[in-house]
Amino acid sequence: MQAKDVLVDAYSRIREEVHAVVDGLSADELNARIDDEANSITWLVWHLTRVQDDHVADASGLKQVWLAQDWADRFGLGLPRRDTGYGHTSSKVAKVRVDSGDLLLGYHDAVHEQTLTFLRDLDDDELDRVVDENWSPPVTLGVRLVSVLSDDLQHVGQAAFVRGVLQAR
């Protein structure tokens, strides 16, 4: 097995978990916040997808799906077009809402497909390529891809927790 095969499997698991969290929920459930400062399922899934889209596009030299496929306009959030949710205040979290899970899943699936297309063509030697020199040590492609995986898995786990709390109410 090559590194790209492990990465394809890992990113596919994120997609599976995102679908498991979102499927079957109403817009009210997706947008609900368990308290005034908490993130909604919508925000968590949108954010993890935006981060994956932003970071993989940057590392691969591709355009962000969010911008290239007009997802920013479809969501119509009233946030800056390149916003990924990093550092969002409670009021900004509240702006990230959807009318159905289809929009969230559509965007996530589009990002997932672009990510897999990139990963399937990846050569193991490319994982050592530096993609961000703003850190010490500089960030390689391999480190960036694993960092996105870690972040995505944490956020989809948080979304699953929120779903559980909402369903227990």
Protein backbone atom coordinates (compact mmCIF):
# COMPACT_ATOMS: atom_id res chain seq x y z
CA MET A 1 0.00 0.00 0.00
CA GLN A 2 1.24 3.46 -0.88
CA ALA A 3 0.81 6.57 1.23
CA LYS A 4 -1.75 7.96 -1.21
CA ASP A 5 -3.92 4.87 -0.66
CA VAL A 6 -3.91 5.47 3.09
CA LEU A 7 -4.81 9.12 2.54
CA VAL A 8 -7.64 8.25 0.13
CA ASP A 9 -9.04 5.82 2.69
CA ALA A 10 -8.75 8.36 5.52
CA TYR A 11 -10.42 11.17 3.59
CA SER A 12 -13.16 8.76 2.50
CA ARG A 13 -13.86 8.01 6.16
CA ILE A 14 -14.37 11.71 6.80
CA ARG A 15 -16.97 11.78 4.02
CA GLU A 16 -18.74 8.74 5.51
CA GLU A 17 -18.87 10.40 8.94
CA VAL A 18 -20.12 13.69 7.51
CA HIS A 19 -22.97 11.88 5.78
CA ALA A 20 -23.77 9.92 8.94
CA VAL A 21 -24.03 13.15 10.94
CA VAL A 22 -26.08 15.15 8.42
CA ASP A 23 -28.39 12.54 6.89
CA GLY A 24 -31.97 12.65 8.13
CA LEU A 25 -31.73 15.90 10.07
CA SER A 26 -34.06 18.84 9.50
CA ALA A 27 -32.77 22.35 8.86
CA ASP A 28 -33.74 23.26 12.43
CA GLU A 29 -31.65 20.39 13.81
CA LEU A 30 -28.68 21.18 11.56
CA ASN A 31 -28.71 24.86 12.55
CA ALA A 32 -29.43 24.31 16.27
CA ARG A 33 -26.84 25.37 18.83
CA ILE A 34 -26.90 23.57 22.15
CA ASP A 35 -26.08 26.88 23.84
CA ASP A 36 -25.46 30.45 22.70
CA GLU A 37 -21.73 29.93 22.27
CA ALA A 38 -21.79 26.44 20.73
CA ASN A 39 -21.22 25.54 17.10
CA SER A 40 -24.08 24.03 15.12
CA ILE A 41 -23.77 20.90 13.01
CA THR A 42 -24.09 23.18 9.98
CA TRP A 43 -21.18 25.34 11.09
CA LEU A 44 -18.98 22.36 12.00
CA VAL A 45 -19.52 20.56 8.67
CA TRP A 46 -19.22 23.79 6.67
CA HIS A 47 -16.02 24.72 8.51
CA LEU A 48 -14.32 21.33 8.19
CA THR A 49 -15.18 21.31 4.49
CA ARG A 50 -13.96 24.88 3.97
CA VAL A 51 -10.65 24.08 5.68
CA GLN A 52 -10.18 20.96 3.56
CA ASP A 53 -11.10 22.88 0.40
CA ASP A 54 -8.81 25.81 1.24
CA HIS A 55 -5.80 23.78 2.35
CA VAL A 56 -5.91 21.06 -0.30
CA ALA A 57 -6.51 23.60 -3.08
CA ASP A 58 -3.56 25.67 -1.87
CA ALA A 59 -1.25 22.66 -1.57
CA SER A 60 -2.29 21.21 -4.93
CA GLY A 61 -2.39 24.42 -6.95
CA LEU A 62 -6.10 23.89 -7.69
CA LYS A 63 -8.89 26.43 -7.28
CA GLN A 64 -11.10 26.17 -4.23
CA VAL A 65 -14.34 24.36 -5.00
CA TRP A 66 -16.12 26.97 -2.85
CA LEU A 67 -15.23 29.67 -5.36
CA ALA A 68 -14.81 27.79 -8.64
CA GLN A 69 -18.17 26.00 -8.42
CA ASP A 70 -20.13 28.94 -6.92
CA TRP A 71 -20.78 27.28 -3.56
CA ALA A 72 -20.16 30.65 -1.88
CA ASP A 73 -23.13 32.09 -3.78
CA ARG A 74 -25.29 29.02 -3.17
CA PHE A 75 -24.73 29.27 0.59
CA GLY A 76 -25.15 33.07 0.62
CA LEU A 77 -23.76 33.45 4.13
CA GLY A 78 -22.91 37.14 4.11
CA LEU A 79 -19.31 36.38 5.05
CA PRO A 80 -16.13 37.17 3.10
CA ARG A 81 -15.88 34.77 0.14
CA ARG A 82 -12.62 33.21 1.36
CA ASP A 83 -13.77 32.82 4.97
CA THR A 84 -13.14 29.34 6.38
CA GLY A 85 -14.60 29.91 9.83
CA TYR A 86 -11.25 30.15 11.58
CA GLY A 87 -11.62 32.38 14.63
CA HIS A 88 -15.35 32.88 14.20
CA THR A 89 -17.20 34.69 16.94
CA SER A 90 -20.59 33.48 18.10
CA SER A 91 -22.31 36.01 15.84
CA LYS A 92 -20.42 34.75 12.79
CA VAL A 93 -21.19 31.13 13.70
CA ALA A 94 -24.86 32.13 13.73
CA LYS A 95 -24.61 33.31 10.10
CA VAL A 96 -23.71 29.83 8.86
CA ARG A 97 -27.14 28.29 8.26
CA VAL A 98 -28.69 26.02 5.63
CA ASP A 99 -32.22 25.20 4.53
CA SER A 100 -31.36 21.51 4.15
CA GLY A 101 -28.55 19.04 4.54
CA ASP A 102 -28.38 18.66 0.77
CA LEU A 103 -26.44 21.90 0.44
CA LEU A 104 -23.89 20.86 3.08
CA LEU A 105 -23.47 17.39 1.61
CA GLY A 106 -23.30 18.69 -1.95
CA TYR A 107 -20.45 21.01 -1.07
CA HIS A 108 -18.68 18.41 1.03
CA ASP A 109 -18.96 15.79 -1.73
CA ALA A 110 -17.59 18.23 -4.33
CA VAL A 111 -14.58 19.00 -2.11
CA HIS A 112 -14.15 15.30 -1.40
CA GLU A 113 -14.04 14.50 -5.12
CA GLN A 114 -11.44 17.19 -5.80
CA THR A 115 -9.38 15.96 -2.84
CA LEU A 116 -9.49 12.34 -4.06
CA THR A 117 -8.59 13.34 -7.62
CA PHE A 118 -5.53 15.11 -6.25
CA LEU A 119 -4.59 12.27 -3.88
CA ARG A 120 -4.95 9.50 -6.48
CA ASP A 121 -2.34 11.19 -8.69
CA LEU A 122 0.01 11.87 -5.80
CA ASP A 123 3.51 10.44 -5.85
CA ASP A 124 4.92 9.52 -2.41
CA ASP A 125 7.96 11.74 -3.03
CA GLU A 126 5.65 14.76 -3.29
CA LEU A 127 4.71 14.39 0.38
CA ASP A 128 8.09 15.92 1.29
CA ARG A 129 7.42 19.05 -0.79
CA VAL A 130 7.23 22.19 1.36
CA VAL A 131 3.84 23.87 0.99
CA ASP A 132 4.04 26.49 3.75
CA GLU A 133 7.22 28.24 4.86
CA ASN A 134 5.43 30.35 7.47
CA TRP A 135 6.13 27.74 10.16
CA SER A 136 9.29 26.39 11.75
CA PRO A 137 9.93 23.82 10.54
CA PRO A 138 8.27 24.51 7.18
CA VAL A 139 5.13 22.47 6.52
CA THR A 140 5.37 19.67 3.98
CA LEU A 141 2.49 18.39 1.88
CA GLY A 142 2.35 15.22 3.97
CA VAL A 143 2.12 17.16 7.22
CA ARG A 144 -0.53 19.48 5.76
CA LEU A 145 -2.69 16.59 4.57
CA VAL A 146 -2.50 14.86 7.95
CA SER A 147 -3.22 18.16 9.72
CA VAL A 148 -6.40 18.61 7.66
CA LEU A 149 -7.39 15.02 8.41
CA SER A 150 -6.94 15.59 12.13
CA ASP A 151 -8.93 18.83 12.09
CA ASP A 152 -11.73 17.31 10.00
CA LEU A 153 -12.04 14.26 12.22
CA GLN A 154 -12.22 16.39 15.35
CA HIS A 155 -14.96 18.58 13.88
CA VAL A 156 -17.04 15.71 12.52
CA GLY A 157 -16.77 14.10 15.96
CA GLN A 158 -18.01 17.33 17.51
CA ALA A 159 -20.92 17.38 15.02
CA ALA A 160 -21.79 13.79 15.96
CA PHE A 161 -21.79 14.80 19.62
CA VAL A 162 -24.15 17.72 18.89
CA ARG A 163 -26.43 15.37 16.94
CA GLY A 164 -26.51 13.01 19.93
CA VAL A 165 -27.35 15.82 22.36
CA LEU A 166 -30.13 17.09 20.08
CA GLN A 167 -31.60 13.64 19.65
CA ALA A 168 -31.52 12.98 23.40
CA ARG A 169 -33.58 16.12 24.12
